[in-house]
C-alpha cells in the first residue's frame, strides 16, 4: 500500500486548522506557532502515510515537538485523509 495521494496537503490543512483553533482561543499569539500544544493525537486513513504526515506536521511544530500518538482509522468525517486533535496548555 502506498501513501494516499494528497496526504501532505491534508496534513498541512489539519495542522493549520490546529494553529488557527489555538490562536482563536488565545493559547498562542503568533499564527503558525504552536508552543502551547502539549500533546496531539493524529488520525490517518492510511498507516502507510505516516512518513508524509510526519513531514507535514514537523513544519508546524517547535524544535522539541509535543508528544503525539498516531492511529490508523477506517474513515474520517467528510472523507478527510488526516485529522489532528491537540491538547494545549496556557
Protein backbone atom coordinates (compact mmCIF):
# COMPACT_ATOMS: atom_id res chain seq x y z
CA UNK A 1 0.00 0.00 0.00
CA UNK A 2 1.30 3.50 -0.78
CA UNK A 3 0.57 6.81 0.88
CA UNK A 4 -2.77 8.33 -0.06
CA UNK A 5 -2.44 10.97 -2.79
CA UNK A 6 -2.71 14.44 -1.31
CA UNK A 7 -1.90 13.34 2.25
CA UNK A 8 0.77 16.02 2.69
CA UNK A 9 -1.75 18.71 1.73
CA UNK A 10 -4.34 17.16 4.06
CA UNK A 11 -1.82 17.11 6.92
CA UNK A 12 -0.93 20.75 6.19
CA UNK A 13 -4.62 21.70 6.41
CA UNK A 14 -5.06 19.74 9.65
CA UNK A 15 -2.03 21.39 11.28
CA UNK A 16 -3.06 24.85 10.04
CA UNK A 17 -6.53 24.26 11.48
CA UNK A 18 -4.98 23.29 14.80
CA UNK A 19 -2.94 26.52 14.85
CA UNK A 20 -5.99 28.62 13.97
CA UNK A 21 -8.02 26.99 16.75
CA UNK A 22 -5.29 27.56 19.34
CA UNK A 23 -4.89 31.17 18.22
CA UNK A 24 -8.65 31.79 18.27
CA UNK A 25 -8.86 30.55 21.86
CA UNK A 26 -5.85 32.67 22.92
CA UNK A 27 -3.47 29.76 23.54
CA UNK A 28 -0.93 31.29 21.16
CA UNK A 29 -0.29 34.74 19.84
CA UNK A 30 1.60 34.15 16.62
CA UNK A 31 -0.13 32.44 13.70
CA UNK A 32 1.53 29.15 12.84
CA UNK A 33 3.48 28.82 16.10
CA UNK A 34 2.22 26.09 18.40
CA UNK A 35 4.30 26.12 21.59
CA UNK A 36 1.16 25.64 23.70
CA UNK A 37 0.39 22.18 22.29
CA UNK A 38 1.48 19.62 24.89
CA UNK A 39 0.11 16.51 23.19
CA UNK A 40 -1.55 15.69 19.88
CA UNK A 41 -3.41 12.72 18.50
CA UNK A 42 -3.25 12.17 14.76
CA UNK A 43 -5.69 10.00 12.84
CA UNK A 44 -4.79 8.69 9.37
CA UNK A 45 -6.91 6.77 6.88
CA UNK A 46 -3.77 5.00 5.67
CA UNK A 47 -0.98 3.98 8.05
CA UNK A 48 1.48 3.93 5.15
CA UNK A 49 1.08 7.71 5.04
CA UNK A 50 2.84 8.19 8.39
CA UNK A 51 6.09 9.50 6.85
CA UNK A 52 4.20 12.13 4.82
CA UNK A 53 2.21 13.09 7.92
CA UNK A 54 5.39 13.43 9.98
CA UNK A 55 7.00 15.65 7.35
CA UNK A 56 3.99 17.95 7.04
CA UNK A 57 3.41 18.06 10.81
CA UNK A 58 7.06 18.92 11.55
CA UNK A 59 6.72 22.19 9.63
CA UNK A 60 4.21 23.41 12.24
CA UNK A 61 6.00 22.24 15.40
CA UNK A 62 8.74 23.75 17.55
CA UNK A 63 12.17 22.05 17.55
CA UNK A 64 11.08 19.95 20.57
CA UNK A 65 7.64 18.78 19.40
CA UNK A 66 4.94 17.65 21.82
CA UNK A 67 4.10 14.00 22.38
CA UNK A 68 1.95 12.59 19.59
CA UNK A 69 0.01 9.38 19.15
CA UNK A 70 -0.93 8.35 15.63
CA UNK A 71 -3.55 5.75 14.76
CA UNK A 72 -4.88 4.37 11.51
CA UNK A 73 -8.66 4.56 11.20
CA UNK A 74 -11.16 3.13 8.73
CA UNK A 75 -12.60 6.56 7.91
CA UNK A 76 -12.80 10.20 8.93
CA UNK A 77 -15.61 12.74 8.60
CA UNK A 78 -16.11 14.27 5.15
CA UNK A 79 -13.61 11.86 3.63
CA UNK A 80 -10.63 13.55 5.32
CA UNK A 81 -7.29 11.79 4.97
CA UNK A 82 -5.85 13.12 8.24
CA UNK A 83 -7.10 14.73 11.41
CA UNK A 84 -5.17 16.17 14.36
CA UNK A 85 -6.63 16.55 17.84
CA UNK A 86 -4.38 18.72 20.04
CA UNK A 87 -4.28 19.19 23.79
CA UNK A 88 -2.95 22.59 24.80
CA UNK A 89 -1.97 24.39 27.99
CA UNK A 90 -1.69 28.06 28.83
